[in-house]
Amino acid sequence: MNVAITEKGQGLMEYALILVLVAVIVLVILVLIGPAVGTMFSSVIREV
């Protein structure tokens, strides 16, 4: 019984770690691409 609970908790931790890793990757991409997107929107607004 304890083994099943431990394995279930381990599975949840693996999903949590994957979720955190994906969130960090998305944040890094947004930080790197953010200024370029802002510049693009600014130029589009200026032309309209």
PDB file of N, CA and C in Angstrom:
ATOM      1  N   MET A   1       0.829  -1.194   0.000  1.00  0.00           N
ATOM      2  CA  MET A   1       0.000   0.000   0.000  1.00  0.00           C
ATOM      3  C   MET A   1       0.875   1.261   0.000  1.00  0.00           C
ATOM      4  N   ASN A   2       1.906   1.288   0.796  1.00  0.00           N
ATOM      5  CA  ASN A   2       2.777   2.464   0.832  1.00  0.00           C
ATOM      6  C   ASN A   2       3.525   2.658  -0.482  1.00  0.00           C
ATOM      7  N   VAL A   3       3.841   1.549  -1.149  1.00  0.00           N
ATOM      8  CA  VAL A   3       4.540   1.651  -2.428  1.00  0.00           C
ATOM      9  C   VAL A   3       3.655   2.342  -3.459  1.00  0.00           C
ATOM     10  N   ALA A   4       2.374   2.027  -3.480  1.00  0.00           N
ATOM     11  CA  ALA A   4       1.447   2.646  -4.432  1.00  0.00           C
ATOM     12  C   ALA A   4       1.326   4.141  -4.170  1.00  0.00           C
ATOM     13  N   ILE A   5       1.260   4.527  -2.912  1.00  0.00           N
ATOM     14  CA  ILE A   5       1.158   5.950  -2.569  1.00  0.00           C
ATOM     15  C   ILE A   5       2.444   6.668  -2.977  1.00  0.00           C
ATOM     16  N   THR A   6       3.584   6.062  -2.736  1.00  0.00           N
ATOM     17  CA  THR A   6       4.861   6.668  -3.103  1.00  0.00           C
ATOM     18  C   THR A   6       4.973   6.825  -4.614  1.00  0.00           C
ATOM     19  N   GLU A   7       4.564   5.811  -5.366  1.00  0.00           N
ATOM     20  CA  GLU A   7       4.627   5.898  -6.823  1.00  0.00           C
ATOM     21  C   GLU A   7       3.667   6.950  -7.353  1.00  0.00           C
ATOM     22  N   LYS A   8       2.500   7.077  -6.740  1.00  0.00           N
ATOM     23  CA  LYS A   8       1.544   8.097  -7.178  1.00  0.00           C
ATOM     24  C   LYS A   8       2.115   9.488  -6.918  1.00  0.00           C
ATOM     25  N   GLY A   9       2.714   9.671  -5.751  1.00  0.00           N
ATOM     26  CA  GLY A   9       3.336  10.952  -5.427  1.00  0.00           C
ATOM     27  C   GLY A   9       4.502  11.258  -6.346  1.00  0.00           C
ATOM     28  N   GLN A  10       5.247  10.240  -6.709  1.00  0.00           N
ATOM     29  CA  GLN A  10       6.371  10.426  -7.620  1.00  0.00           C
ATOM     30  C   GLN A  10       5.862  10.861  -8.990  1.00  0.00           C
ATOM     31  N   GLY A  11       4.776  10.261  -9.458  1.00  0.00           N
ATOM     32  CA  GLY A  11       4.202  10.645 -10.746  1.00  0.00           C
ATOM     33  C   GLY A  11       3.734  12.086 -10.740  1.00  0.00           C
ATOM     34  N   LEU A  12       3.117  12.502  -9.637  1.00  0.00           N
ATOM     35  CA  LEU A  12       2.667  13.890  -9.529  1.00  0.00           C
ATOM     36  C   LEU A  12       3.851  14.849  -9.517  1.00  0.00           C
ATOM     37  N   MET A  13       4.930  14.464  -8.849  1.00  0.00           N
ATOM     38  CA  MET A  13       6.117  15.321  -8.832  1.00  0.00           C
ATOM     39  C   MET A  13       6.727  15.438 -10.224  1.00  0.00           C
ATOM     40  N   GLU A  14       6.724  14.351 -10.978  1.00  0.00           N
ATOM     41  CA  GLU A  14       7.262  14.404 -12.338  1.00  0.00           C
ATOM     42  C   GLU A  14       6.440  15.342 -13.206  1.00  0.00           C
ATOM     43  N   TYR A  15       5.106  15.275 -13.098  1.00  0.00           N
ATOM     44  CA  TYR A  15       4.254  16.188 -13.859  1.00  0.00           C
ATOM     45  C   TYR A  15       4.489  17.635 -13.426  1.00  0.00           C
ATOM     46  N   ALA A  16       4.665  17.852 -12.127  1.00  0.00           N
ATOM     47  CA  ALA A  16       4.912  19.209 -11.628  1.00  0.00           C
ATOM     48  C   ALA A  16       6.234  19.745 -12.163  1.00  0.00           C
ATOM     49  N   LEU A  17       7.262  18.908 -12.173  1.00  0.00           N
ATOM     50  CA  LEU A  17       8.558  19.351 -12.687  1.00  0.00           C
ATOM     51  C   LEU A  17       8.492  19.660 -14.177  1.00  0.00           C
ATOM     52  N   ILE A  18       7.776  18.851 -14.926  1.00  0.00           N
ATOM     53  CA  ILE A  18       7.612  19.112 -16.362  1.00  0.00           C
ATOM     54  C   ILE A  18       6.868  20.427 -16.566  1.00  0.00           C
ATOM     55  N   LEU A  19       5.828  20.656 -15.767  1.00  0.00           N
ATOM     56  CA  LEU A  19       5.058  21.894 -15.881  1.00  0.00           C
ATOM     57  C   LEU A  19       5.926  23.108 -15.564  1.00  0.00           C
ATOM     58  N   VAL A  20       6.740  23.007 -14.531  1.00  0.00           N
ATOM     59  CA  VAL A  20       7.640  24.109 -14.176  1.00  0.00           C
ATOM     60  C   VAL A  20       8.664  24.338 -15.291  1.00  0.00           C
ATOM     61  N   LEU A  21       9.190  23.264 -15.856  1.00  0.00           N
ATOM     62  CA  LEU A  21      10.163  23.392 -16.944  1.00  0.00           C
ATOM     63  C   LEU A  21       9.544  24.079 -18.162  1.00  0.00           C
ATOM     64  N   VAL A  22       8.329  23.706 -18.504  1.00  0.00           N
ATOM     65  CA  VAL A  22       7.641  24.337 -19.643  1.00  0.00           C
ATOM     66  C   VAL A  22       7.393  25.813 -19.345  1.00  0.00           C
ATOM     67  N   ALA A  23       6.988  26.131 -18.111  1.00  0.00           N
ATOM     68  CA  ALA A  23       6.737  27.526 -17.745  1.00  0.00           C
ATOM     69  C   ALA A  23       8.018  28.355 -17.846  1.00  0.00           C
ATOM     70  N   VAL A  24       9.138  27.798 -17.395  1.00  0.00           N
ATOM     71  CA  VAL A  24      10.407  28.528 -17.469  1.00  0.00           C
ATOM     72  C   VAL A  24      10.813  28.747 -18.930  1.00  0.00           C
ATOM     73  N   ILE A  25      10.631  27.744 -19.756  1.00  0.00           N
ATOM     74  CA  ILE A  25      10.976  27.882 -21.179  1.00  0.00           C
ATOM     75  C   ILE A  25      10.118  28.966 -21.835  1.00  0.00           C
ATOM     76  N   VAL A  26       8.820  28.973 -21.530  1.00  0.00           N
ATOM     77  CA  VAL A  26       7.930  29.993 -22.094  1.00  0.00           C
ATOM     78  C   VAL A  26       8.345  31.381 -21.633  1.00  0.00           C
ATOM     79  N   LEU A  27       8.684  31.525 -20.353  1.00  0.00           N
ATOM     80  CA  LEU A  27       9.110  32.835 -19.847  1.00  0.00           C
ATOM     81  C   LEU A  27      10.392  33.306 -20.520  1.00  0.00           C
ATOM     82  N   VAL A  28      11.337  32.415 -20.711  1.00  0.00           N
ATOM     83  CA  VAL A  28      12.588  32.791 -21.370  1.00  0.00           C
ATOM     84  C   VAL A  28      12.314  33.224 -22.806  1.00  0.00           C
ATOM     85  N   ILE A  29      11.470  32.500 -23.502  1.00  0.00           N
ATOM     86  CA  ILE A  29      11.130  32.867 -24.881  1.00  0.00           C
ATOM     87  C   ILE A  29      10.450  34.229 -24.919  1.00  0.00           C
ATOM     88  N   LEU A  30       9.533  34.471 -23.987  1.00  0.00           N
ATOM     89  CA  LEU A  30       8.851  35.770 -23.960  1.00  0.00           C
ATOM     90  C   LEU A  30       9.813  36.908 -23.654  1.00  0.00           C
ATOM     91  N   VAL A  31      10.759  36.671 -22.751  1.00  0.00           N
ATOM     92  CA  VAL A  31      11.729  37.718 -22.424  1.00  0.00           C
ATOM     93  C   VAL A  31      12.620  38.010 -23.623  1.00  0.00           C
ATOM     94  N   LEU A  32      12.992  36.970 -24.363  1.00  0.00           N
ATOM     95  CA  LEU A  32      13.870  37.175 -25.505  1.00  0.00           C
ATOM     96  C   LEU A  32      13.136  37.788 -26.698  1.00  0.00           C
ATOM     97  N   ILE A  33      11.906  37.380 -26.932  1.00  0.00           N
ATOM     98  CA  ILE A  33      11.164  37.832 -28.104  1.00  0.00           C
ATOM     99  C   ILE A  33      10.306  39.066 -27.797  1.00  0.00           C
ATOM    100  N   GLY A  34      10.020  39.315 -26.540  1.00  0.00           N
ATOM    101  CA  GLY A  34       9.138  40.406 -26.136  1.00  0.00           C
ATOM    102  C   GLY A  34       9.465  41.759 -26.747  1.00  0.00           C
ATOM    103  N   PRO A  35      10.711  42.215 -26.616  1.00  0.00           N
ATOM    104  CA  PRO A  35      11.035  43.529 -27.190  1.00  0.00           C
ATOM    105  C   PRO A  35      10.804  43.594 -28.703  1.00  0.00           C
ATOM    106  N   ALA A  36      11.086  42.526 -29.406  1.00  0.00           N
ATOM    107  CA  ALA A  36      10.885  42.516 -30.859  1.00  0.00           C
ATOM    108  C   ALA A  36       9.400  42.627 -31.182  1.00  0.00           C
ATOM    109  N   VAL A  37       8.572  41.930 -30.423  1.00  0.00           N
ATOM    110  CA  VAL A  37       7.130  41.995 -30.652  1.00  0.00           C
ATOM    111  C   VAL A  37       6.613  43.397 -30.334  1.00  0.00           C
ATOM    112  N   GLY A  38       7.115  43.986 -29.263  1.00  0.00           N
ATOM    113  CA  GLY A  38       6.715  45.352 -28.916  1.00  0.00           C
ATOM    114  C   GLY A  38       7.089  46.342 -30.001  1.00  0.00           C
ATOM    115  N   THR A  39       8.270  46.194 -30.547  1.00  0.00           N
ATOM    116  CA  THR A  39       8.717  47.068 -31.638  1.00  0.00           C
ATOM    117  C   THR A  39       7.840  46.878 -32.865  1.00  0.00           C
ATOM    118  N   MET A  40       7.495  45.638 -33.155  1.00  0.00           N
ATOM    119  CA  MET A  40       6.652  45.358 -34.317  1.00  0.00           C
ATOM    120  C   MET A  40       5.283  46.016 -34.152  1.00  0.00           C
ATOM    121  N   PHE A  41       4.671  45.856 -32.969  1.00  0.00           N
ATOM    122  CA  PHE A  41       3.367  46.477 -32.729  1.00  0.00           C
ATOM    123  C   PHE A  41       3.453  48.000 -32.795  1.00  0.00           C
ATOM    124  N   SER A  42       4.523  48.558 -32.284  1.00  0.00           N
ATOM    125  CA  SER A  42       4.698  50.018 -32.327  1.00  0.00           C
ATOM    126  C   SER A  42       4.783  50.502 -33.773  1.00  0.00           C
ATOM    127  N   SER A  43       5.514  49.776 -34.596  1.00  0.00           N
ATOM    128  CA  SER A  43       5.638  50.206 -35.995  1.00  0.00           C
ATOM    129  C   SER A  43       4.323  50.057 -36.728  1.00  0.00           C
ATOM    130  N   VAL A  44       3.543  49.027 -36.418  1.00  0.00           N
ATOM    131  CA  VAL A  44       2.241  48.862 -37.047  1.00  0.00           C
ATOM    132  C   VAL A  44       1.305  49.978 -36.621  1.00  0.00           C
ATOM    133  N   ILE A  45       1.336  50.360 -35.357  1.00  0.00           N
ATOM    134  CA  ILE A  45       0.450  51.437 -34.868  1.00  0.00           C
ATOM    135  C   ILE A  45       0.837  52.765 -35.525  1.00  0.00           C
ATOM    136  N   ARG A  46       2.146  53.012 -35.666  1.00  0.00           N
ATOM    137  CA  ARG A  46       2.593  54.252 -36.292  1.00  0.00           C
ATOM    138  C   ARG A  46       2.152  54.347 -37.746  1.00  0.00           C
ATOM    139  N   GLU A  47       2.101  53.213 -38.453  1.00  0.00           N
ATOM    140  CA  GLU A  47       1.731  53.229 -39.866  1.00  0.00           C
ATOM    141  C   GLU A  47       0.233  53.349 -40.077  1.00  0.00           C
ATOM    142  N   VAL A  48      -0.550  53.030 -39.062  1.00  0.00           N
ATOM    143  CA  VAL A  48      -2.014  53.089 -39.215  1.00  0.00           C
ATOM    144  C   VAL A  48      -2.494  54.455 -38.962  1.00  0.00           C
TER     145      VAL A  48
END
